Structures are given as structure tokens and as C-alpha cells.
């Protein structure tokens, strides 16, 4: 969908002046009065165009995030008045919104627990029990990550292929990461301090605001536009990919809904999954001959998917072309990322590293790059390898990710089978 066709650019120009004034610290009341007409009539289309234009003008994502809440506070009433048709069961947006209600319930319960910790007279044991309850709530809130992961790896690629203005999605992803990091920091802080300190309480206030505001951004900006931008086939494809990532405190689609999506795609013939099935039928028994042996397509897939590593291939045009599907993935992947530009596959705060690697590979400055980090107490090794053909021409990069926790612990020798 051409978002620009539904944008009032005169209104967006006024909204840019308003938002830039707010970010510069000008008098908010005067700015609101001056641009009242634009503020009162903003649509989700205008909001996306506004963020896109801000980034085009050189405003970085950190600056946008810093002031976005006070700007949204002013724009919220008009955005809330925008009417759009909410989908029913069997549609990805239905499950996103159902998760949001569960999130709001948990946030409400957590607020009550915080209030009792701060204002009620509790015995030492009662305080310890309430603090434990609070920790459990924060652990549960951190599991909302699956909701954000589905957006980033399934919804966003479809929007990137359909929208004119996609940079606001990067702002949203960055806020996802801030929320993820925030819950981890709060949980670590409470466990270390054995108390709800003023510093932790302040961080909680910010986190609650970000979480609630993200629900608003989804339901009053992103989802209304997505409903107009994407086709029934797009949504059906997404529904089939989402269960692998999982849902937050809801059952997700049942077999009836999944079958309906599959039938729709077979009927329209537009699904990546349908295309894959046709290809399977055409070359299932074909043998691919290499310099070092021969393999069928089935054998090749088995080899890739049973290697104890995640492999992703990005071609010379910086587009994702392949990923392996091992039994236990380290980082989420979905068919939606095939054809996606690699810079859209990473959060804004780290994408510059990937871009630098690719730039160095293309320039011949390096042929590999290695990183390692700890995720959920597992030690993860990430290697990037440059691919060049027989004429030394750049043909892309493969990312190989491996959990080497057990490998690090090896000592001595082992020559016998257990």
C-alpha cells in the first residue's frame, strides 16, 4: 500500500514543526495552540510519515525515543479517534491484541504488588513474600518478548515489502529492545538489593510507560495501517509461521484456523509455503552434483538442519536468501525474512556492526569476523564468513551461530564411546 497516497503532507509539515519544537524544548502550550488543527486531525498514516520525515532530516532514533512520549501524549486523543476494523479469531492481529490484554492485566497486577511493597505495613516475611511475587511478575513480563519477536521477524518483513515508510519500524524495534533490557535490569537489581529501591522504582515507572505506549502504538498506528496494507494471503502466511515463535499467555490459533489459512493459500497459489511445496515435488528426487560428491535435495536439507549451528546466507545484494532450521535455534528465523535486506534483520543499536562487516567484506578488508556473548547462561559464538567465487568476486556472507557452552568445558581426551 502506498502510505503516501493517504498522507496529508501539509499536515505532516506542521506536525514536523510541532515535534521538532517540542524536541528543542520550546514552549509546549504555544506549540500546541499554533499547530492545533494538525494535531486534532492526525491519522496513523500521518504519524508514520512524520517519523519517517524526522529520520530523513537527520534526527536519530535515540533522539526520537527520548521525546516520543511527550509528543504522543499530545497526539493520542486524535489517534484514538481513528476508526478501523478489528479482525476476528484466526487473524494474526487478533492474537496480538489478545496478548496485549494479557499484558495489561499483568501490568495491573504488578502495579498492585509494587503499591503494597511501598505503602503497606508488612512484616519481614510478608515483605519477602511480596517481593518474591514481584520477581515472578517481572519474569512473566519478560516473556512478552515472544510478542515483539513475532513482530520483528514475521510482521515487519511483510510491512517492509508493502509500505513506503518503514523507518518507524526500526524505532519500534529499538523500543522493544529497551523494554527487554529494562525488565532484565529490574529483576537483577531487585535480586541484588533484596528491596525495591528508589532507583529501581524510577526505572519501573519508565518501563510501565513504554509497555503501555507500545500497546497504543500497535493498536492505533501499526495495526490499522497493516490491515489496509496487507492481503489475506499475507496474513495467512504469517499465521502459519507464528506458532513456532509462540504466544504470550494465550493458546494461539488452533488447527482449524491453521488449516483455513493453508487452504486459502492453496486456493490463491500465492504462498511461499505453496511455492516451496511445488518445488519439493519437482526436484524431490533430483541429485545435485558437486566436486566432492552427490546429494539429493532431501539429503542436503537434512545435513543443514542437523548441523549443530544456525546458518544464514545473505547474497551479494544484501538480501537474506537461506537459513537452516536446526531442532534448537539460537536466534529466531522465519520464512518471512527471505528476500529481506540484512540491515532490517537487526535491531537499530547493533545494525551498524553488521553493515560494517558487509562493507569490509565487499572492500576486501577482511574475510571473516567473530563475536561471542552470553544469552540465558549459554555461551554463544557468532562467525561471519565472506563468500567469493573463483574470480574473487564478492558473493555474499554466511552467518554461523553456535552454542559452545559444553565445548568450552572439554578437557583432556576422549577416545572411547560411552
Protein backbone atom coordinates (compact mmCIF):
# COMPACT_ATOMS: atom_id res chain seq x y z
CA UNK A 1 0.00 0.00 0.00
CA UNK A 2 1.28 3.43 -0.84
CA UNK A 3 1.05 5.12 2.55
CA UNK A 4 1.99 8.40 0.92
CA UNK A 5 -1.30 8.34 -1.02
CA UNK A 6 -3.18 8.66 2.26
CA UNK A 7 -0.89 11.20 3.92
CA UNK A 8 -1.81 14.87 4.21
CA UNK A 9 1.65 16.34 3.61
CA UNK A 10 0.66 19.88 4.60
CA UNK A 11 -0.49 18.49 7.93
CA UNK A 12 2.69 16.44 8.26
CA UNK A 13 4.79 19.56 7.65
CA UNK A 14 3.02 21.26 10.55
CA UNK A 15 3.41 18.15 12.70
CA UNK A 16 7.14 18.08 11.97
CA UNK A 17 7.46 21.71 13.06
CA UNK A 18 5.46 20.90 16.20
CA UNK A 19 7.50 17.80 17.08
CA UNK A 20 10.86 19.43 16.34
CA UNK A 21 9.84 22.36 18.53
CA UNK A 22 8.92 20.01 21.36
CA UNK A 23 12.24 18.18 20.99
CA UNK A 24 14.10 21.51 21.07
CA UNK A 25 12.44 22.41 24.38
CA UNK A 26 10.17 25.18 23.10
CA UNK A 27 7.01 26.16 24.98
CA UNK A 28 4.64 23.20 24.58
CA UNK A 29 1.45 25.19 25.14
CA UNK A 30 2.33 27.69 22.44
CA UNK A 31 3.29 24.93 20.01
CA UNK A 32 0.03 23.05 20.62
CA UNK A 33 -2.00 26.21 20.07
CA UNK A 34 -0.11 27.07 16.89
CA UNK A 35 -0.48 23.63 15.34
CA UNK A 36 -3.81 22.65 16.92
CA UNK A 37 -5.52 21.87 13.60
CA UNK A 38 -2.81 19.42 12.53
CA UNK A 39 -2.74 17.82 15.99
CA UNK A 40 -6.52 17.37 16.10
CA UNK A 41 -6.67 15.75 12.66
CA UNK A 42 -3.60 13.49 12.63
CA UNK A 43 -4.13 9.97 11.24
CA UNK A 44 -1.97 6.84 11.62
CA UNK A 45 -0.75 7.50 8.06
CA UNK A 46 0.42 10.97 9.07
CA UNK A 47 2.13 9.58 12.18
CA UNK A 48 4.21 7.08 10.20
CA UNK A 49 5.11 9.75 7.64
CA UNK A 50 6.06 12.11 10.48
CA UNK A 51 8.59 9.68 11.95
CA UNK A 52 9.94 8.83 8.50
CA UNK A 53 10.50 12.50 7.69
CA UNK A 54 12.14 13.15 11.06
CA UNK A 55 14.71 10.42 10.38
CA UNK A 56 15.21 11.72 6.84
CA UNK A 57 16.03 15.12 8.34
CA UNK A 58 18.81 13.53 10.38
CA UNK A 59 17.04 13.09 13.72
CA UNK A 60 18.49 9.89 15.14
CA UNK A 61 16.46 7.14 16.77
CA UNK A 62 17.79 7.94 20.25
CA UNK A 63 16.51 11.50 19.98
CA UNK A 64 13.12 10.33 18.75
CA UNK A 65 12.81 7.84 21.61
CA UNK A 66 13.82 10.47 24.15
CA UNK A 67 10.92 12.78 23.31
CA UNK A 68 8.38 10.50 21.68
CA UNK A 69 6.26 10.02 24.80
CA UNK A 70 5.55 13.70 25.41
CA UNK A 71 4.73 14.13 21.71
CA UNK A 72 2.46 11.06 21.67
CA UNK A 73 0.68 12.41 24.78
CA UNK A 74 -0.47 15.37 22.70
CA UNK A 75 -1.34 13.34 19.60
CA UNK A 76 -3.01 10.43 21.42
CA UNK A 77 -6.63 11.74 21.52
CA UNK A 78 -6.75 12.21 17.75
CA UNK A 79 -5.07 8.86 17.06
CA UNK A 80 -7.52 7.16 19.44
CA UNK A 81 -10.43 8.53 17.43
CA UNK A 82 -9.27 6.84 14.22
CA UNK A 83 -11.70 4.01 13.42
CA UNK A 84 -10.53 0.75 11.94
CA UNK A 85 -11.99 -2.74 11.59
CA UNK A 86 -10.59 -5.15 14.17
CA UNK A 87 -10.19 -8.70 12.82
CA UNK A 88 -11.63 -11.82 14.42
CA UNK A 89 -10.15 -15.11 15.55
CA UNK A 90 -7.81 -16.70 13.04
CA UNK A 91 -6.09 -13.43 12.15
CA UNK A 92 -2.58 -12.54 13.46
CA UNK A 93 -3.72 -9.11 14.66
CA UNK A 94 -6.45 -10.77 16.74
CA UNK A 95 -3.78 -12.72 18.65
CA UNK A 96 -1.52 -9.68 19.00
CA UNK A 97 -4.39 -7.74 20.58
CA UNK A 98 -5.40 -10.66 22.79
CA UNK A 99 -1.82 -10.79 24.08
CA UNK A 100 -1.95 -7.06 24.75
CA UNK A 101 -4.96 -7.57 27.04
CA UNK A 102 -3.00 -10.24 28.94
CA UNK A 103 -0.05 -7.86 29.19
CA UNK A 104 -2.25 -5.09 30.57
CA UNK A 105 -3.70 -7.49 33.18
CA UNK A 106 -0.21 -8.50 34.30
CA UNK A 107 1.00 -4.90 34.39
CA UNK A 108 -2.03 -4.03 36.55
CA UNK A 109 -1.34 -6.88 38.97
CA UNK A 110 2.32 -5.92 39.17
CA UNK A 111 1.36 -2.34 39.99
CA UNK A 112 -0.72 -3.60 42.92
CA UNK A 113 2.22 -5.63 44.19
CA UNK A 114 4.51 -2.61 43.93
CA UNK A 115 1.98 -0.48 45.81
CA UNK A 116 1.82 -2.97 48.67
CA UNK A 117 5.62 -3.11 48.85
CA UNK A 118 5.86 0.68 49.03
CA UNK A 119 2.90 1.71 51.17
CA UNK A 120 1.58 -1.20 53.23
CA UNK A 121 2.95 -2.08 56.68
CA UNK A 122 4.33 -5.58 56.18
CA UNK A 123 6.15 -7.98 58.42
CA UNK A 124 9.55 -9.14 57.27
CA UNK A 125 8.07 -12.39 55.97
CA UNK A 126 5.16 -10.63 54.26
CA UNK A 127 7.60 -8.26 52.58
CA UNK A 128 9.78 -11.17 51.42
CA UNK A 129 6.71 -12.98 50.02
CA UNK A 130 5.51 -9.85 48.22
CA UNK A 131 8.99 -9.25 46.81
CA UNK A 132 9.04 -12.82 45.52
CA UNK A 133 5.65 -12.25 43.91
CA UNK A 134 7.03 -9.11 42.29
CA UNK A 135 10.04 -11.03 40.92
CA UNK A 136 7.73 -13.66 39.44
CA UNK A 137 5.64 -10.95 37.79
CA UNK A 138 8.71 -9.38 36.21
CA UNK A 139 9.83 -12.80 34.96
CA UNK A 140 6.41 -13.21 33.37
CA UNK A 141 6.53 -9.73 31.84
CA UNK A 142 9.87 -10.54 30.23
CA UNK A 143 8.18 -13.46 28.44
CA UNK A 144 6.21 -10.92 26.40
CA UNK A 145 9.36 -10.96 24.29
CA UNK A 146 7.72 -13.56 22.02
CA UNK A 147 5.15 -10.92 21.00
CA UNK A 148 7.91 -8.50 19.99
CA UNK A 149 9.90 -11.25 18.27
CA UNK A 150 6.93 -12.20 16.09
CA UNK A 151 6.55 -8.56 15.07
CA UNK A 152 10.23 -8.12 14.22
CA UNK A 153 10.71 -11.38 12.33
CA UNK A 154 7.31 -12.02 10.75
CA UNK A 155 5.13 -8.89 10.63
CA UNK A 156 7.86 -6.33 9.89
CA UNK A 157 9.22 -8.11 6.76
CA UNK A 158 5.75 -8.06 5.19
CA UNK A 159 5.31 -4.39 6.05
CA UNK A 160 8.75 -3.55 4.64
CA UNK A 161 7.70 -5.15 1.36
CA UNK A 162 4.41 -3.19 1.26
CA UNK A 163 4.98 0.22 2.84
CA UNK A 164 6.59 3.37 1.53
CA UNK A 165 7.76 4.43 5.00
CA UNK A 166 9.40 1.70 7.08
CA UNK A 167 11.96 3.54 9.22
CA UNK A 168 9.44 3.92 12.08
CA UNK A 169 9.57 0.12 12.39
CA UNK A 170 13.22 0.48 13.37
CA UNK A 171 12.24 2.95 16.08
CA UNK A 172 9.68 0.45 17.34
CA UNK A 173 12.25 -2.38 17.35
CA UNK A 174 14.63 -0.18 19.33
CA UNK A 175 11.93 0.42 21.94
CA UNK A 176 11.29 -3.34 22.10
CA UNK A 177 14.95 -3.78 22.99
CA UNK A 178 14.75 -1.06 25.65
CA UNK A 179 11.79 -2.86 27.26
CA UNK A 180 13.53 -6.24 27.11
CA UNK A 181 16.67 -4.82 28.68
CA UNK A 182 14.65 -2.93 31.28
CA UNK A 183 12.87 -5.99 32.68
CA UNK A 184 16.22 -7.81 32.94
CA UNK A 185 17.82 -4.89 34.78
CA UNK A 186 14.89 -4.53 37.20
CA UNK A 187 14.93 -8.23 38.00
CA UNK A 188 18.71 -8.27 38.53
CA UNK A 189 18.52 -5.13 40.69
CA UNK A 190 15.77 -6.45 42.98
CA UNK A 191 17.56 -9.77 43.44
CA UNK A 192 20.79 -7.98 44.32
CA UNK A 193 19.26 -5.37 46.63
CA UNK A 194 16.53 -7.61 48.11
CA UNK A 195 14.42 -4.46 48.02
CA UNK A 196 12.50 -2.11 45.78
CA UNK A 197 14.94 0.81 45.81
CA UNK A 198 14.04 4.33 44.56
CA UNK A 199 16.30 3.77 41.56
CA UNK A 200 14.52 0.55 40.63
CA UNK A 201 11.15 2.17 41.24
CA UNK A 202 12.04 5.01 38.87
CA UNK A 203 13.10 2.53 36.19
CA UNK A 204 9.83 0.66 36.68
CA UNK A 205 7.83 3.82 36.04
CA UNK A 206 9.60 4.32 32.74
CA UNK A 207 9.15 0.66 31.78
CA UNK A 208 5.43 0.67 32.53
CA UNK A 209 5.01 3.77 30.40
CA UNK A 210 6.94 2.22 27.49
CA UNK A 211 4.96 -1.03 27.69
CA UNK A 212 1.57 0.72 27.73
CA UNK A 213 2.63 3.13 25.00
CA UNK A 214 3.79 0.25 22.81
CA UNK A 215 0.31 -1.25 23.03
CA UNK A 216 -1.08 2.10 21.92
CA UNK A 217 1.40 2.41 19.03
CA UNK A 218 0.44 -1.05 17.83
CA UNK A 219 -3.31 -0.71 18.09
CA UNK A 220 -3.72 2.92 16.98
CA UNK A 221 -0.93 3.19 14.40
CA UNK A 222 0.73 -0.01 13.15
CA UNK A 223 -2.18 -2.47 13.13
CA UNK A 224 -4.69 -0.13 11.43
CA UNK A 225 -2.19 0.58 8.65
CA UNK A 226 -1.17 -3.07 8.37
CA UNK A 227 -4.81 -4.10 7.97
CA UNK A 228 -5.09 -1.82 4.95
CA UNK A 229 -1.65 -2.66 3.53
CA UNK A 230 -1.51 -6.44 3.58
CA UNK A 231 -3.51 -9.06 1.71
CA UNK A 232 -5.44 -12.03 3.07
CA UNK A 233 -2.67 -14.25 1.69
CA UNK A 234 -0.03 -12.24 3.58
CA UNK A 235 -1.91 -12.68 6.86
CA UNK A 236 -2.45 -16.39 6.16
CA UNK A 237 1.27 -16.88 5.57
CA UNK A 238 2.07 -15.08 8.80
CA UNK A 239 -0.40 -17.14 10.81
CA UNK A 240 1.29 -20.35 9.68
CA UNK A 241 4.72 -19.05 10.70
CA UNK A 242 3.82 -17.61 14.10
CA UNK A 243 3.22 -20.73 16.27
CA UNK A 244 6.91 -21.65 16.04
CA UNK A 245 7.81 -18.41 17.86
CA UNK A 246 4.97 -18.79 20.36
CA UNK A 247 2.41 -16.59 22.13
CA UNK A 248 2.13 -14.80 25.45
CA UNK A 249 -0.39 -16.40 27.85
CA UNK A 250 -2.83 -17.32 25.07
CA UNK A 251 -3.41 -20.53 23.14
CA UNK A 252 -2.88 -19.04 19.70
CA UNK A 253 -4.61 -20.37 16.57
CA UNK A 254 -5.99 -23.89 16.62
CA UNK A 255 -5.69 -26.47 13.87
CA UNK A 256 -8.97 -25.24 12.36
CA UNK A 257 -7.57 -21.73 11.86
CA UNK A 258 -4.22 -23.02 10.58
CA UNK A 259 -5.97 -25.33 8.10
CA UNK A 260 -8.14 -22.45 6.89
CA UNK A 261 -5.03 -20.35 6.25
CA UNK A 262 -3.36 -23.20 4.38
CA UNK A 263 -6.45 -23.75 2.24
CA UNK A 264 -6.62 -20.04 1.41
CA UNK A 265 -3.02 -20.10 0.26
CA UNK A 266 -3.53 -23.22 -1.85
CA UNK A 267 -6.59 -21.58 -3.41
CA UNK A 268 -4.77 -18.34 -4.24
CA UNK A 269 -1.47 -20.02 -5.10
CA UNK A 270 0.36 -17.04 -3.62
CA UNK A 271 2.06 -18.60 -0.60
CA UNK A 272 5.77 -19.04 -0.14
CA UNK A 273 4.87 -22.31 1.53
CA UNK A 274 2.86 -23.37 -1.52
CA UNK A 275 5.75 -22.44 -3.79
CA UNK A 276 8.05 -24.47 -1.62
CA UNK A 277 5.72 -27.47 -1.84
CA UNK A 278 5.65 -27.25 -5.65
CA UNK A 279 9.44 -27.05 -5.74
CA UNK A 280 9.66 -30.08 -3.45
CA UNK A 281 7.51 -32.03 -5.85
CA UNK A 282 9.55 -31.00 -8.88
CA UNK A 283 13.04 -31.81 -7.57
CA UNK A 284 12.42 -34.14 -4.62
CA UNK A 285 14.38 -36.94 -6.27
CA UNK A 286 16.83 -34.72 -8.14
CA UNK A 287 20.53 -35.24 -7.45
CA UNK A 288 22.83 -32.24 -7.12
CA UNK A 289 26.37 -32.99 -8.25
CA UNK A 290 29.29 -31.26 -6.51
CA UNK A 291 33.04 -31.54 -6.96
CA UNK A 292 33.19 -33.65 -3.80
CA UNK A 293 30.07 -35.79 -4.13
CA UNK A 294 26.38 -36.06 -4.98
CA UNK A 295 23.40 -35.24 -2.78
CA UNK A 296 19.65 -35.20 -3.18
CA UNK A 297 17.68 -32.14 -2.09
CA UNK A 298 16.35 -34.12 0.87
CA UNK A 299 19.85 -35.15 1.95
CA UNK A 300 21.11 -31.59 1.61
CA UNK A 301 18.30 -30.27 3.81
CA UNK A 302 18.94 -32.97 6.41
CA UNK A 303 22.62 -32.07 6.57
CA UNK A 304 21.93 -28.34 7.02
CA UNK A 305 19.22 -28.90 9.59
CA UNK A 306 21.14 -31.40 11.72
CA UNK A 307 24.38 -29.45 11.91
CA UNK A 308 24.60 -28.07 15.49
CA UNK A 309 24.74 -24.49 14.19
CA UNK A 310 22.39 -21.82 12.83
CA UNK A 311 23.36 -20.87 9.28
CA UNK A 312 22.05 -17.81 7.43
CA UNK A 313 23.11 -16.82 3.91
CA UNK A 314 22.94 -13.21 2.68
CA UNK A 315 23.68 -12.71 -1.03
CA UNK A 316 25.77 -10.07 -2.80
CA UNK A 317 22.74 -7.75 -2.88
CA UNK A 318 22.47 -7.84 0.92
CA UNK A 319 19.28 -9.90 0.83
CA UNK A 320 18.63 -12.94 3.03
CA UNK A 321 18.38 -15.99 0.77
CA UNK A 322 18.57 -19.00 3.07
CA UNK A 323 18.62 -20.13 6.68
CA UNK A 324 18.98 -23.58 8.18
CA UNK A 325 16.36 -24.95 10.54
CA UNK A 326 18.06 -26.95 13.32
CA UNK A 327 15.95 -28.52 16.10
CA UNK A 328 17.05 -25.86 18.62
CA UNK A 329 17.52 -22.42 17.12
CA UNK A 330 19.56 -19.78 18.95
CA UNK A 331 18.10 -16.75 17.17
CA UNK A 332 14.59 -16.69 15.70
CA UNK A 333 14.13 -17.05 11.95
CA UNK A 334 11.01 -17.35 9.81
CA UNK A 335 10.29 -17.68 6.06
CA UNK A 336 9.18 -14.03 6.16
CA UNK A 337 12.83 -12.90 6.20
CA UNK A 338 13.66 -14.47 2.83
CA UNK A 339 14.36 -11.57 0.48
CA UNK A 340 14.61 -9.12 3.38
CA UNK A 341 17.51 -6.66 3.40
CA UNK A 342 20.01 -7.72 6.03
CA UNK A 343 20.05 -4.31 7.73
CA UNK A 344 16.36 -4.78 8.53
CA UNK A 345 17.07 -8.07 10.30
CA UNK A 346 18.95 -6.47 13.20
CA UNK A 347 17.97 -4.01 15.93
CA UNK A 348 18.99 -0.39 15.23
CA UNK A 349 21.57 -0.28 18.03
CA UNK A 350 23.63 -3.13 16.53
CA UNK A 351 22.87 -2.96 12.80
CA UNK A 352 25.90 -0.70 12.20
CA UNK A 353 28.18 -3.61 13.15
CA UNK A 354 26.64 -5.89 10.53
CA UNK A 355 26.79 -3.12 7.94
CA UNK A 356 30.48 -2.54 8.70
CA UNK A 357 31.22 -6.27 8.33
CA UNK A 358 29.50 -6.41 4.93
CA UNK A 359 31.23 -3.21 3.81
CA UNK A 360 34.65 -4.60 4.82
CA UNK A 361 33.92 -7.91 3.06
CA UNK A 362 32.95 -6.12 -0.15
CA UNK A 363 36.07 -3.92 0.03
CA UNK A 364 38.33 -6.92 0.63
CA UNK A 365 39.48 -5.60 4.02
CA UNK A 366 38.59 -8.82 5.82
CA UNK A 367 37.26 -12.31 5.13
CA UNK A 368 35.76 -13.19 8.50
CA UNK A 369 34.56 -11.65 11.72
CA UNK A 370 33.93 -13.33 15.09
CA UNK A 371 31.84 -12.36 18.13
CA UNK A 372 30.80 -14.12 21.31
CA UNK A 373 28.26 -13.36 24.02
CA UNK A 374 26.25 -14.94 26.82
CA UNK A 375 22.49 -15.47 26.38
CA UNK A 376 20.46 -17.11 29.15
CA UNK A 377 23.66 -18.51 30.69
CA UNK A 378 24.68 -20.09 27.37
CA UNK A 379 27.94 -19.06 25.65
CA UNK A 380 27.21 -18.22 22.01
CA UNK A 381 29.78 -17.94 19.21
CA UNK A 382 28.85 -15.96 16.08
CA UNK A 383 31.04 -16.13 12.96
CA UNK A 384 30.63 -14.22 9.71
CA UNK A 385 32.42 -15.62 6.63
CA UNK A 386 32.87 -13.78 3.34
CA UNK A 387 31.97 -15.74 0.20
CA UNK A 388 33.94 -15.15 -3.02
CA UNK A 389 33.70 -17.03 -6.31
CA UNK A 390 36.53 -18.37 -8.46
CA UNK A 391 37.18 -14.87 -9.82
CA UNK A 392 37.42 -13.48 -6.29
CA UNK A 393 34.13 -11.63 -6.77
CA UNK A 394 32.07 -10.96 -3.62
CA UNK A 395 29.06 -13.29 -3.49
CA UNK A 396 27.69 -12.66 -0.03
CA UNK A 397 28.18 -13.71 3.57
CA UNK A 398 27.18 -16.59 5.78
CA UNK A 399 26.46 -16.14 9.47
CA UNK A 400 27.17 -19.23 11.59
CA UNK A 401 25.93 -19.23 15.18
CA UNK A 402 26.77 -21.97 17.67
CA UNK A 403 26.16 -22.69 21.35
CA UNK A 404 29.64 -23.66 22.58
CA UNK A 405 28.87 -23.85 26.31
CA UNK A 406 29.67 -27.58 26.52
CA UNK A 407 32.59 -27.33 24.11
CA UNK A 408 34.27 -24.79 26.41
CA UNK A 409 34.16 -27.32 29.23
CA UNK A 410 36.05 -30.07 27.36
CA UNK A 411 39.38 -31.19 28.82
CA UNK A 412 41.90 -33.92 28.15
CA UNK A 413 40.96 -36.57 25.59
CA UNK A 414 38.06 -38.91 24.83
CA UNK A 415 38.76 -41.89 22.58
CA UNK A 416 36.03 -44.35 23.64
CA UNK A 417 32.29 -44.39 23.01
CA UNK A 418 30.10 -44.04 26.12
